[in-house]
């Protein structure tokens, strides 16, 4: 059986690294994959589709937003949990939960409810 994976997609490198570090601490049994754009995150999802347990994505990214990423992933796997992070919640999105980036460790408390 393959190791379950969490995909983190975030444009800001410092925040992306913080999310990775905290994910490794909160979910040591999982492999954490990080990407800087929605396009890269979607490609990683398709390559690891069977093993992805959760996607945590920022919303404000060039080319493909986190909301667009969530929509594309949900079209393939509607049951895969997705947490969308940002400053302002989009009016429409397919993510399971929106959290302000300032939520801190609450992000991982919410993530645990999906795993």
N, C-alpha and C. Protein backbone atom coordinates (compact mmCIF):
# COMPACT_ATOMS: atom_id res chain seq x y z
N UNK A 1 0.84 -1.19 0.00
CA UNK A 1 0.00 0.00 0.00
C UNK A 1 0.88 1.25 0.00
N UNK A 2 0.54 2.19 -0.84
CA UNK A 2 1.32 3.43 -0.94
C UNK A 2 1.01 4.36 0.23
N UNK A 3 1.98 5.19 0.56
CA UNK A 3 1.81 6.19 1.60
C UNK A 3 0.80 7.24 1.14
N UNK A 4 -0.13 7.58 2.01
CA UNK A 4 -1.08 8.65 1.70
C UNK A 4 -0.36 9.98 1.63
N UNK A 5 -0.88 10.88 0.82
CA UNK A 5 -0.21 12.15 0.57
C UNK A 5 -1.13 13.33 0.85
N UNK A 6 -0.51 14.42 1.29
CA UNK A 6 -1.17 15.72 1.38
C UNK A 6 -0.49 16.62 0.37
N UNK A 7 -1.28 17.25 -0.47
CA UNK A 7 -0.75 18.21 -1.44
C UNK A 7 -0.99 19.61 -0.88
N UNK A 8 0.09 20.39 -0.80
CA UNK A 8 0.01 21.79 -0.38
C UNK A 8 0.36 22.64 -1.59
N UNK A 9 -0.53 23.58 -1.91
CA UNK A 9 -0.32 24.48 -3.04
C UNK A 9 -0.39 25.91 -2.51
N UNK A 10 0.70 26.62 -2.62
CA UNK A 10 0.77 27.99 -2.07
C UNK A 10 1.85 28.77 -2.80
N UNK A 11 1.50 29.96 -3.28
CA UNK A 11 2.44 30.79 -4.04
C UNK A 11 3.54 31.38 -3.16
N UNK A 12 3.21 31.75 -1.94
CA UNK A 12 4.19 32.38 -1.05
C UNK A 12 5.14 31.31 -0.50
N UNK A 13 6.44 31.37 -0.82
CA UNK A 13 7.35 30.30 -0.41
C UNK A 13 7.49 30.16 1.10
N UNK A 14 7.46 31.26 1.84
CA UNK A 14 7.60 31.16 3.30
C UNK A 14 6.37 30.49 3.92
N UNK A 15 5.19 30.89 3.46
CA UNK A 15 3.96 30.28 4.00
C UNK A 15 3.86 28.82 3.57
N UNK A 16 4.27 28.52 2.33
CA UNK A 16 4.27 27.15 1.84
C UNK A 16 5.18 26.27 2.71
N UNK A 17 6.37 26.76 3.03
CA UNK A 17 7.30 26.01 3.86
C UNK A 17 6.76 25.82 5.28
N UNK A 18 6.10 26.85 5.81
CA UNK A 18 5.49 26.74 7.14
C UNK A 18 4.38 25.69 7.13
N UNK A 19 3.53 25.71 6.11
CA UNK A 19 2.47 24.71 6.00
C UNK A 19 3.06 23.30 5.91
N UNK A 20 4.15 23.16 5.17
CA UNK A 20 4.80 21.85 5.04
C UNK A 20 5.33 21.38 6.40
N UNK A 21 6.04 22.25 7.09
CA UNK A 21 6.61 21.90 8.39
C UNK A 21 5.51 21.49 9.38
N UNK A 22 4.45 22.29 9.45
CA UNK A 22 3.36 21.99 10.38
C UNK A 22 2.60 20.73 9.96
N UNK A 23 2.49 20.50 8.65
CA UNK A 23 1.84 19.27 8.18
C UNK A 23 2.66 18.04 8.56
N UNK A 24 3.98 18.13 8.43
CA UNK A 24 4.85 17.02 8.81
C UNK A 24 4.72 16.72 10.30
N UNK A 25 4.57 17.76 11.11
CA UNK A 25 4.42 17.57 12.56
C UNK A 25 3.05 16.99 12.92
N UNK A 26 2.00 17.45 12.22
CA UNK A 26 0.64 17.02 12.53
C UNK A 26 0.25 15.70 11.88
N UNK A 27 0.89 15.37 10.77
CA UNK A 27 0.56 14.16 10.02
C UNK A 27 1.84 13.40 9.64
N UNK A 28 2.58 12.89 10.64
CA UNK A 28 3.87 12.27 10.37
C UNK A 28 3.77 11.01 9.50
N UNK A 29 2.61 10.40 9.45
CA UNK A 29 2.42 9.18 8.66
C UNK A 29 2.20 9.47 7.17
N UNK A 30 2.07 10.74 6.82
CA UNK A 30 1.77 11.12 5.44
C UNK A 30 2.97 11.74 4.75
N UNK A 31 2.99 11.59 3.44
CA UNK A 31 4.00 12.27 2.62
C UNK A 31 3.43 13.64 2.24
N UNK A 32 4.22 14.68 2.42
CA UNK A 32 3.76 16.05 2.14
C UNK A 32 4.42 16.52 0.84
N UNK A 33 3.60 16.86 -0.14
CA UNK A 33 4.07 17.36 -1.43
C UNK A 33 3.72 18.84 -1.53
N UNK A 34 4.66 19.68 -1.91
CA UNK A 34 4.37 21.12 -2.01
C UNK A 34 4.59 21.63 -3.43
N UNK A 35 3.74 22.60 -3.80
CA UNK A 35 3.79 23.19 -5.13
C UNK A 35 3.45 24.67 -5.04
N UNK A 36 3.96 25.45 -5.98
CA UNK A 36 3.80 26.89 -5.93
C UNK A 36 2.65 27.42 -6.78
N UNK A 37 2.03 26.56 -7.59
CA UNK A 37 0.94 27.04 -8.45
C UNK A 37 -0.17 26.01 -8.54
N UNK A 38 -1.34 26.49 -8.88
CA UNK A 38 -2.48 25.60 -9.08
C UNK A 38 -2.24 24.60 -10.20
N UNK A 39 -1.55 25.03 -11.24
CA UNK A 39 -1.24 24.14 -12.37
C UNK A 39 -0.37 22.98 -11.89
N UNK A 40 0.68 23.30 -11.11
CA UNK A 40 1.56 22.25 -10.59
C UNK A 40 0.80 21.33 -9.63
N UNK A 41 -0.04 21.91 -8.79
CA UNK A 41 -0.83 21.12 -7.85
C UNK A 41 -1.78 20.17 -8.55
N UNK A 42 -2.42 20.65 -9.63
CA UNK A 42 -3.34 19.80 -10.39
C UNK A 42 -2.59 18.65 -11.06
N UNK A 43 -1.43 18.95 -11.61
CA UNK A 43 -0.61 17.91 -12.23
C UNK A 43 -0.22 16.85 -11.18
N UNK A 44 0.19 17.30 -10.00
CA UNK A 44 0.57 16.37 -8.92
C UNK A 44 -0.64 15.53 -8.50
N UNK A 45 -1.81 16.14 -8.43
CA UNK A 45 -3.02 15.39 -8.09
C UNK A 45 -3.25 14.26 -9.10
N UNK A 46 -3.15 14.59 -10.39
CA UNK A 46 -3.37 13.57 -11.42
C UNK A 46 -2.33 12.46 -11.36
N UNK A 47 -1.10 12.79 -11.03
CA UNK A 47 -0.03 11.78 -10.94
C UNK A 47 -0.16 10.90 -9.70
N UNK A 48 -0.82 11.40 -8.66
CA UNK A 48 -0.92 10.69 -7.37
C UNK A 48 -2.36 10.46 -6.93
N UNK A 49 -3.27 10.49 -7.88
CA UNK A 49 -4.70 10.51 -7.58
C UNK A 49 -5.15 9.50 -6.53
N UNK A 50 -4.68 8.28 -6.62
CA UNK A 50 -5.11 7.20 -5.72
C UNK A 50 -4.64 7.42 -4.28
N UNK A 51 -3.53 8.16 -4.11
CA UNK A 51 -2.90 8.28 -2.80
C UNK A 51 -3.13 9.61 -2.10
N UNK A 52 -3.75 10.58 -2.77
CA UNK A 52 -3.96 11.89 -2.18
C UNK A 52 -5.11 11.83 -1.17
N UNK A 53 -4.83 12.23 0.07
CA UNK A 53 -5.83 12.20 1.13
C UNK A 53 -6.42 13.58 1.41
N UNK A 54 -5.69 14.65 1.03
CA UNK A 54 -6.10 16.01 1.36
C UNK A 54 -5.32 16.99 0.49
N UNK A 55 -5.98 18.07 0.10
CA UNK A 55 -5.30 19.19 -0.56
C UNK A 55 -5.53 20.43 0.28
N UNK A 56 -4.45 21.13 0.58
CA UNK A 56 -4.50 22.44 1.24
C UNK A 56 -3.97 23.44 0.22
N UNK A 57 -4.78 24.41 -0.16
CA UNK A 57 -4.36 25.34 -1.20
C UNK A 57 -4.66 26.79 -0.86
N UNK A 58 -3.73 27.65 -1.19
CA UNK A 58 -4.00 29.07 -1.15
C UNK A 58 -4.90 29.41 -2.31
N UNK A 59 -5.56 30.54 -2.25
CA UNK A 59 -6.46 30.90 -3.34
C UNK A 59 -5.82 31.84 -4.35
N UNK A 60 -5.06 32.80 -3.89
CA UNK A 60 -4.55 33.86 -4.76
C UNK A 60 -3.25 33.44 -5.43
N UNK A 61 -3.38 32.85 -6.62
CA UNK A 61 -2.22 32.42 -7.39
C UNK A 61 -2.43 32.79 -8.85
N UNK A 62 -1.34 33.04 -9.54
CA UNK A 62 -1.46 33.37 -10.96
C UNK A 62 -1.81 32.12 -11.76
N UNK A 63 -2.33 32.29 -12.91
CA UNK A 63 -2.73 31.26 -13.87
C UNK A 63 -3.96 30.48 -13.39
N UNK A 64 -3.88 29.80 -12.24
CA UNK A 64 -5.01 29.03 -11.72
C UNK A 64 -5.14 29.27 -10.21
N UNK A 65 -6.27 29.82 -9.81
CA UNK A 65 -6.50 30.09 -8.38
C UNK A 65 -6.78 28.79 -7.63
N UNK A 66 -6.73 28.87 -6.32
CA UNK A 66 -7.08 27.72 -5.50
C UNK A 66 -8.52 27.28 -5.70
N UNK A 67 -9.42 28.24 -5.91
CA UNK A 67 -10.82 27.92 -6.16
C UNK A 67 -10.96 27.16 -7.48
N UNK A 68 -10.19 27.56 -8.50
CA UNK A 68 -10.21 26.85 -9.78
C UNK A 68 -9.62 25.45 -9.64
N UNK A 69 -8.55 25.34 -8.87
CA UNK A 69 -7.95 24.04 -8.61
C UNK A 69 -8.96 23.12 -7.93
N UNK A 70 -9.65 23.63 -6.91
CA UNK A 70 -10.66 22.83 -6.20
C UNK A 70 -11.74 22.35 -7.16
N UNK A 71 -12.19 23.22 -8.04
CA UNK A 71 -13.24 22.84 -9.00
C UNK A 71 -12.77 21.71 -9.91
N UNK A 72 -11.54 21.81 -10.40
CA UNK A 72 -11.01 20.78 -11.31
C UNK A 72 -10.79 19.45 -10.59
N UNK A 73 -10.30 19.50 -9.37
CA UNK A 73 -10.08 18.27 -8.59
C UNK A 73 -11.43 17.62 -8.25
N UNK A 74 -12.40 18.41 -7.81
CA UNK A 74 -13.70 17.88 -7.42
C UNK A 74 -14.44 17.26 -8.60
N UNK A 75 -14.16 17.73 -9.83
CA UNK A 75 -14.76 17.14 -11.02
C UNK A 75 -14.29 15.69 -11.20
N UNK A 76 -13.08 15.40 -10.74
CA UNK A 76 -12.51 14.05 -10.84
C UNK A 76 -12.81 13.23 -9.59
N UNK A 77 -12.66 13.86 -8.41
CA UNK A 77 -12.85 13.15 -7.14
C UNK A 77 -13.63 14.05 -6.18
N UNK A 78 -14.97 13.99 -6.24
CA UNK A 78 -15.79 14.89 -5.41
C UNK A 78 -15.64 14.65 -3.91
N UNK A 79 -15.11 13.51 -3.51
CA UNK A 79 -14.99 13.19 -2.08
C UNK A 79 -13.66 13.61 -1.47
N UNK A 80 -12.69 14.00 -2.29
CA UNK A 80 -11.38 14.40 -1.76
C UNK A 80 -11.51 15.72 -1.01
N UNK A 81 -11.13 15.77 0.27
CA UNK A 81 -11.24 17.02 1.02
C UNK A 81 -10.22 18.05 0.58
N UNK A 82 -10.70 19.29 0.45
CA UNK A 82 -9.85 20.41 0.04
C UNK A 82 -10.09 21.57 1.00
N UNK A 83 -9.00 22.09 1.55
CA UNK A 83 -9.04 23.30 2.38
C UNK A 83 -8.52 24.45 1.54
N UNK A 84 -9.30 25.52 1.45
CA UNK A 84 -8.93 26.71 0.69
C UNK A 84 -8.55 27.81 1.67
N UNK A 85 -7.36 28.37 1.50
CA UNK A 85 -6.87 29.42 2.39
C UNK A 85 -6.76 30.73 1.62
N UNK A 86 -7.05 31.83 2.28
CA UNK A 86 -6.92 33.12 1.63
C UNK A 86 -7.28 34.26 2.54
N UNK A 87 -7.18 35.46 2.01
CA UNK A 87 -7.53 36.65 2.77
C UNK A 87 -9.05 36.86 2.76
N UNK A 88 -9.67 36.61 1.61
CA UNK A 88 -11.11 36.81 1.45
C UNK A 88 -11.70 35.57 0.79
N UNK A 89 -12.78 35.06 1.35
CA UNK A 89 -13.42 33.87 0.78
C UNK A 89 -14.07 34.20 -0.57
N UNK A 90 -13.77 33.42 -1.60
CA UNK A 90 -14.43 33.64 -2.89
C UNK A 90 -15.94 33.41 -2.76
N UNK A 91 -16.72 34.12 -3.57
CA UNK A 91 -18.18 33.97 -3.51
C UNK A 91 -18.59 32.54 -3.82
N UNK A 92 -17.90 31.92 -4.77
CA UNK A 92 -18.21 30.54 -5.14
C UNK A 92 -16.92 29.74 -5.16
N UNK A 93 -16.96 28.58 -4.53
CA UNK A 93 -15.83 27.65 -4.59
C UNK A 93 -16.32 26.25 -4.23
N UNK A 94 -15.58 25.26 -4.66
CA UNK A 94 -15.95 23.86 -4.43
C UNK A 94 -15.17 23.24 -3.27
N UNK A 95 -14.31 24.02 -2.60
CA UNK A 95 -13.55 23.50 -1.48
C UNK A 95 -14.49 23.10 -0.34
N UNK A 96 -14.04 22.16 0.48
CA UNK A 96 -14.85 21.72 1.61
C UNK A 96 -14.90 22.75 2.72
N UNK A 97 -13.83 23.54 2.82
CA UNK A 97 -13.76 24.53 3.89
C UNK A 97 -12.85 25.67 3.44
N UNK A 98 -13.27 26.90 3.75
CA UNK A 98 -12.41 28.07 3.57
C UNK A 98 -11.94 28.52 4.94
N UNK A 99 -10.65 28.85 5.02
CA UNK A 99 -10.09 29.41 6.26
C UNK A 99 -9.21 30.60 5.91
N UNK A 100 -9.28 31.65 6.71
CA UNK A 100 -8.34 32.75 6.50
C UNK A 100 -6.91 32.26 6.74
N UNK A 101 -5.97 32.77 5.98
CA UNK A 101 -4.57 32.38 6.16
C UNK A 101 -4.09 32.66 7.57
N UNK A 102 -4.73 33.59 8.23
CA UNK A 102 -4.33 33.96 9.60
C UNK A 102 -4.84 32.97 10.64
N UNK A 103 -5.49 31.89 10.22
CA UNK A 103 -6.07 30.91 11.15
C UNK A 103 -5.01 30.14 11.93
N UNK A 104 -3.80 30.13 11.46
CA UNK A 104 -2.71 29.45 12.17
C UNK A 104 -2.97 27.97 12.33
N UNK A 105 -2.80 27.49 13.57
CA UNK A 105 -2.91 26.05 13.83
C UNK A 105 -4.34 25.53 13.66
N UNK A 106 -5.31 26.41 13.62
CA UNK A 106 -6.69 25.97 13.37
C UNK A 106 -6.79 25.24 12.03
N UNK A 107 -5.94 25.61 11.08
CA UNK A 107 -5.92 24.95 9.77
C UNK A 107 -5.75 23.44 9.96
N UNK A 108 -4.87 23.05 10.88
CA UNK A 108 -4.58 21.63 11.07
C UNK A 108 -5.64 20.93 11.92
N UNK A 109 -6.28 21.66 12.81
CA UNK A 109 -7.41 21.10 13.56
C UNK A 109 -8.54 20.76 12.59
N UNK A 110 -8.79 21.67 11.64
CA UNK A 110 -9.82 21.42 10.62
C UNK A 110 -9.38 20.28 9.71
N UNK A 111 -8.12 20.28 9.29
CA UNK A 111 -7.61 19.23 8.41
C UNK A 111 -7.81 17.85 9.04
N UNK A 112 -7.58 17.74 10.34
CA UNK A 112 -7.71 16.45 11.03
C UNK A 112 -9.14 15.93 10.98
N UNK A 113 -10.12 16.82 10.88
CA UNK A 113 -11.51 16.35 10.82
C UNK A 113 -11.81 15.65 9.50
N UNK A 114 -10.98 15.89 8.48
CA UNK A 114 -11.19 15.27 7.17
C UNK A 114 -10.38 14.00 7.00
N UNK A 115 -9.45 13.73 7.88
CA UNK A 115 -8.56 12.56 7.73
C UNK A 115 -8.87 11.46 8.71
